């Protein structure tokens, strides 16, 4: 008797890798915001100065949490799964708030968050399951008469 892993474990592995990548992206975004702490631009004839320090700290902390939870998902830990679902949902909401400032980046992050949420919620219980299969008999190429079967 042989065993094979359910196909959904690949989705969980994909979600785990994507979650760690999203965390790494957030860390990079947070570091970039901290390095460039103020941004000035002109909007409708007004000079607007924005301090990015708070945004950088938020992105850095959320990135570190996403990265840590992603590493916890490699072990298929149930607590890491629950924490990931909550944190990814919050991450999607934060990206929704940043949609006006960074439309393409925010839409990309929201799409990745939706894929990760799908993988973590739809078939988690089936992902770790193994399916036992009976070996299939191989048809004899030369039956008792010595001639190949037609």
C-alpha atoms as a PDB file:
ATOM      1  CA  UNK A   1       0.000   0.000   0.000  1.00  0.00           C
ATOM      2  CA  UNK A   2       1.343   3.410  -0.944  1.00  0.00           C
ATOM      3  CA  UNK A   3       0.482   6.824   0.370  1.00  0.00           C
ATOM      4  CA  UNK A   4       0.420  10.131  -1.428  1.00  0.00           C
ATOM      5  CA  UNK A   5      -0.040  13.614  -0.089  1.00  0.00           C
ATOM      6  CA  UNK A   6      -3.213  15.473  -0.886  1.00  0.00           C
ATOM      7  CA  UNK A   7      -2.935  18.060  -3.683  1.00  0.00           C
ATOM      8  CA  UNK A   8      -3.988  20.878  -1.320  1.00  0.00           C
ATOM      9  CA  UNK A   9      -0.681  20.689   0.543  1.00  0.00           C
ATOM     10  CA  UNK A  10       0.853  22.403  -2.480  1.00  0.00           C
ATOM     11  CA  UNK A  11      -1.547  25.329  -2.017  1.00  0.00           C
ATOM     12  CA  UNK A  12      -0.587  25.577   1.648  1.00  0.00           C
ATOM     13  CA  UNK A  13       3.097  25.550   0.729  1.00  0.00           C
ATOM     14  CA  UNK A  14       2.430  28.244  -1.875  1.00  0.00           C
ATOM     15  CA  UNK A  15       0.577  30.354   0.707  1.00  0.00           C
ATOM     16  CA  UNK A  16       3.452  29.917   3.149  1.00  0.00           C
ATOM     17  CA  UNK A  17       6.036  31.075   0.630  1.00  0.00           C
ATOM     18  CA  UNK A  18       3.848  33.988  -0.475  1.00  0.00           C
ATOM     19  CA  UNK A  19       3.245  35.038   3.133  1.00  0.00           C
ATOM     20  CA  UNK A  20       6.969  35.156   3.834  1.00  0.00           C
ATOM     21  CA  UNK A  21       7.512  37.107   0.605  1.00  0.00           C
ATOM     22  CA  UNK A  22       4.767  39.602   1.516  1.00  0.00           C
ATOM     23  CA  UNK A  23       6.464  40.011   4.890  1.00  0.00           C
ATOM     24  CA  UNK A  24       9.813  40.614   3.200  1.00  0.00           C
ATOM     25  CA  UNK A  25       8.205  43.155   0.833  1.00  0.00           C
ATOM     26  CA  UNK A  26       6.690  44.984   3.805  1.00  0.00           C
ATOM     27  CA  UNK A  27      10.053  45.053   5.567  1.00  0.00           C
ATOM     28  CA  UNK A  28      11.640  46.550   2.439  1.00  0.00           C
ATOM     29  CA  UNK A  29       8.796  49.075   2.136  1.00  0.00           C
ATOM     30  CA  UNK A  30       9.157  50.012   5.810  1.00  0.00           C
ATOM     31  CA  UNK A  31      12.918  50.464   5.526  1.00  0.00           C
ATOM     32  CA  UNK A  32      12.482  52.625   2.422  1.00  0.00           C
ATOM     33  CA  UNK A  33       9.902  54.786   4.204  1.00  0.00           C
ATOM     34  CA  UNK A  34      12.186  55.196   7.216  1.00  0.00           C
ATOM     35  CA  UNK A  35      15.158  56.154   5.047  1.00  0.00           C
ATOM     36  CA  UNK A  36      13.112  58.777   3.211  1.00  0.00           C
ATOM     37  CA  UNK A  37      11.237  60.140   6.207  1.00  0.00           C
ATOM     38  CA  UNK A  38       9.578  63.137   4.518  1.00  0.00           C
ATOM     39  CA  UNK A  39       8.101  63.544   1.070  1.00  0.00           C
ATOM     40  CA  UNK A  40       7.065  66.840  -0.480  1.00  0.00           C
ATOM     41  CA  UNK A  41       4.757  67.202  -3.459  1.00  0.00           C
ATOM     42  CA  UNK A  42       2.450  69.779  -4.967  1.00  0.00           C
ATOM     43  CA  UNK A  43      -1.270  68.986  -5.044  1.00  0.00           C
ATOM     44  CA  UNK A  44      -3.687  71.456  -6.646  1.00  0.00           C
ATOM     45  CA  UNK A  45      -1.274  74.337  -6.164  1.00  0.00           C
ATOM     46  CA  UNK A  46      -0.559  73.538  -2.504  1.00  0.00           C
ATOM     47  CA  UNK A  47       2.706  72.249  -1.108  1.00  0.00           C
ATOM     48  CA  UNK A  48       2.087  69.065   0.876  1.00  0.00           C
ATOM     49  CA  UNK A  49       4.743  67.620   3.185  1.00  0.00           C
ATOM     50  CA  UNK A  50       4.170  64.087   4.454  1.00  0.00           C
ATOM     51  CA  UNK A  51       6.104  62.423   7.278  1.00  0.00           C
ATOM     52  CA  UNK A  52       6.554  58.715   6.487  1.00  0.00           C
ATOM     53  CA  UNK A  53       8.093  57.643   9.793  1.00  0.00           C
ATOM     54  CA  UNK A  54       4.869  56.213  11.263  1.00  0.00           C
ATOM     55  CA  UNK A  55       4.026  54.437   7.988  1.00  0.00           C
ATOM     56  CA  UNK A  56       7.550  52.995   7.851  1.00  0.00           C
ATOM     57  CA  UNK A  57       7.378  51.680  11.409  1.00  0.00           C
ATOM     58  CA  UNK A  58       3.935  50.146  10.748  1.00  0.00           C
ATOM     59  CA  UNK A  59       5.148  48.467   7.548  1.00  0.00           C
ATOM     60  CA  UNK A  60       8.309  47.226   9.264  1.00  0.00           C
ATOM     61  CA  UNK A  61       6.434  45.713  12.227  1.00  0.00           C
ATOM     62  CA  UNK A  62       3.711  44.131  10.086  1.00  0.00           C
ATOM     63  CA  UNK A  63       6.365  42.752   7.728  1.00  0.00           C
ATOM     64  CA  UNK A  64       8.264  41.171  10.604  1.00  0.00           C
ATOM     65  CA  UNK A  65       5.038  39.612  11.937  1.00  0.00           C
ATOM     66  CA  UNK A  66       4.048  38.294   8.495  1.00  0.00           C
ATOM     67  CA  UNK A  67       7.514  36.843   8.013  1.00  0.00           C
ATOM     68  CA  UNK A  68       7.492  35.143  11.431  1.00  0.00           C
ATOM     69  CA  UNK A  69       4.008  33.715  10.922  1.00  0.00           C
ATOM     70  CA  UNK A  70       4.999  32.524   7.454  1.00  0.00           C
ATOM     71  CA  UNK A  71       7.887  30.607   8.975  1.00  0.00           C
ATOM     72  CA  UNK A  72       5.469  29.117  11.520  1.00  0.00           C
ATOM     73  CA  UNK A  73       3.241  27.900   8.687  1.00  0.00           C
ATOM     74  CA  UNK A  74       6.068  25.769   7.308  1.00  0.00           C
ATOM     75  CA  UNK A  75       5.405  23.420  10.245  1.00  0.00           C
ATOM     76  CA  UNK A  76       1.619  23.435   9.507  1.00  0.00           C
ATOM     77  CA  UNK A  77       1.040  24.937  12.962  1.00  0.00           C
ATOM     78  CA  UNK A  78      -2.671  25.612  13.621  1.00  0.00           C
ATOM     79  CA  UNK A  79      -1.953  28.717  15.736  1.00  0.00           C
ATOM     80  CA  UNK A  80       0.222  30.132  12.949  1.00  0.00           C
ATOM     81  CA  UNK A  81      -2.663  29.505  10.529  1.00  0.00           C
ATOM     82  CA  UNK A  82      -5.156  31.436  12.677  1.00  0.00           C
ATOM     83  CA  UNK A  83      -2.677  34.271  13.224  1.00  0.00           C
ATOM     84  CA  UNK A  84      -1.933  34.355   9.502  1.00  0.00           C
ATOM     85  CA  UNK A  85      -5.614  34.610   8.595  1.00  0.00           C
ATOM     86  CA  UNK A  86      -6.116  37.537  10.978  1.00  0.00           C
ATOM     87  CA  UNK A  87      -2.916  39.325   9.990  1.00  0.00           C
ATOM     88  CA  UNK A  88      -3.403  38.849   6.240  1.00  0.00           C
ATOM     89  CA  UNK A  89      -6.950  40.205   6.488  1.00  0.00           C
ATOM     90  CA  UNK A  90      -5.632  43.248   8.370  1.00  0.00           C
ATOM     91  CA  UNK A  91      -2.862  43.632   5.796  1.00  0.00           C
ATOM     92  CA  UNK A  92      -5.448  43.683   2.995  1.00  0.00           C
ATOM     93  CA  UNK A  93      -7.414  46.397   4.820  1.00  0.00           C
ATOM     94  CA  UNK A  94      -4.267  48.481   5.317  1.00  0.00           C
ATOM     95  CA  UNK A  95      -3.454  48.123   1.634  1.00  0.00           C
ATOM     96  CA  UNK A  96      -6.992  49.230   0.831  1.00  0.00           C
ATOM     97  CA  UNK A  97      -6.329  52.390   2.834  1.00  0.00           C
ATOM     98  CA  UNK A  98      -3.138  52.993   0.821  1.00  0.00           C
ATOM     99  CA  UNK A  99      -4.868  52.408  -2.514  1.00  0.00           C
ATOM    100  CA  UNK A 100      -5.024  56.110  -3.429  1.00  0.00           C
ATOM    101  CA  UNK A 101      -1.317  56.673  -2.755  1.00  0.00           C
ATOM    102  CA  UNK A 102       0.063  53.440  -4.265  1.00  0.00           C
ATOM    103  CA  UNK A 103      -2.614  51.960  -6.579  1.00  0.00           C
ATOM    104  CA  UNK A 104      -0.615  49.296  -8.419  1.00  0.00           C
ATOM    105  CA  UNK A 105       1.339  48.145  -5.360  1.00  0.00           C
ATOM    106  CA  UNK A 106      -1.782  48.039  -3.192  1.00  0.00           C
ATOM    107  CA  UNK A 107      -3.771  46.064  -5.767  1.00  0.00           C
ATOM    108  CA  UNK A 108      -0.911  43.581  -6.109  1.00  0.00           C
ATOM    109  CA  UNK A 109      -0.693  43.144  -2.331  1.00  0.00           C
ATOM    110  CA  UNK A 110      -4.489  42.749  -2.006  1.00  0.00           C
ATOM    111  CA  UNK A 111      -4.498  40.104  -4.750  1.00  0.00           C
ATOM    112  CA  UNK A 112      -1.696  38.180  -3.032  1.00  0.00           C
ATOM    113  CA  UNK A 113      -3.545  38.474   0.291  1.00  0.00           C
ATOM    114  CA  UNK A 114      -6.709  37.013  -1.266  1.00  0.00           C
ATOM    115  CA  UNK A 115      -4.771  34.049  -2.702  1.00  0.00           C
ATOM    116  CA  UNK A 116      -3.108  33.411   0.660  1.00  0.00           C
ATOM    117  CA  UNK A 117      -6.457  33.632   2.492  1.00  0.00           C
ATOM    118  CA  UNK A 118      -7.983  31.203  -0.001  1.00  0.00           C
ATOM    119  CA  UNK A 119      -5.201  28.682   0.520  1.00  0.00           C
ATOM    120  CA  UNK A 120      -5.325  28.983   4.317  1.00  0.00           C
ATOM    121  CA  UNK A 121      -9.088  28.755   4.735  1.00  0.00           C
ATOM    122  CA  UNK A 122     -10.585  26.531   2.059  1.00  0.00           C
ATOM    123  CA  UNK A 123      -8.947  23.119   2.481  1.00  0.00           C
ATOM    124  CA  UNK A 124      -6.594  23.326   5.458  1.00  0.00           C
ATOM    125  CA  UNK A 125      -7.846  20.082   7.021  1.00  0.00           C
ATOM    126  CA  UNK A 126      -7.330  18.194   3.768  1.00  0.00           C
ATOM    127  CA  UNK A 127      -3.836  19.556   3.185  1.00  0.00           C
ATOM    128  CA  UNK A 128      -2.094  17.421   5.755  1.00  0.00           C
ATOM    129  CA  UNK A 129      -4.113  14.315   5.000  1.00  0.00           C
ATOM    130  CA  UNK A 130      -2.574  11.467   3.095  1.00  0.00           C
ATOM    131  CA  UNK A 131      -4.493   9.226   0.788  1.00  0.00           C
ATOM    132  CA  UNK A 132      -3.775   5.518   0.925  1.00  0.00           C
ATOM    133  CA  UNK A 133      -4.008   3.701  -2.372  1.00  0.00           C
ATOM    134  CA  UNK A 134      -3.864   0.024  -3.211  1.00  0.00           C
ATOM    135  CA  UNK A 135      -1.281  -0.996  -5.803  1.00  0.00           C
ATOM    136  CA  UNK A 136      -2.888  -1.640  -9.157  1.00  0.00           C
ATOM    137  CA  UNK A 137      -2.157  -4.995 -10.818  1.00  0.00           C
ATOM    138  CA  UNK A 138      -0.139  -4.773 -14.000  1.00  0.00           C
ATOM    139  CA  UNK A 139      -1.642  -6.571 -16.958  1.00  0.00           C
ATOM    140  CA  UNK A 140       0.501  -9.472 -18.202  1.00  0.00           C
ATOM    141  CA  UNK A 141       1.940  -8.628 -21.622  1.00  0.00           C
ATOM    142  CA  UNK A 142       2.149 -12.302 -22.595  1.00  0.00           C
ATOM    143  CA  UNK A 143      -0.790 -14.429 -21.448  1.00  0.00           C
ATOM    144  CA  UNK A 144      -0.540 -18.165 -20.839  1.00  0.00           C
ATOM    145  CA  UNK A 145      -0.743 -18.990 -24.569  1.00  0.00           C
ATOM    146  CA  UNK A 146       2.509 -17.165 -25.279  1.00  0.00           C
ATOM    147  CA  UNK A 147       0.967 -14.672 -27.677  1.00  0.00           C
ATOM    148  CA  UNK A 148       0.619 -10.995 -26.909  1.00  0.00           C
ATOM    149  CA  UNK A 149      -2.899  -9.939 -25.986  1.00  0.00           C
ATOM    150  CA  UNK A 150      -4.817  -8.217 -28.762  1.00  0.00           C
END
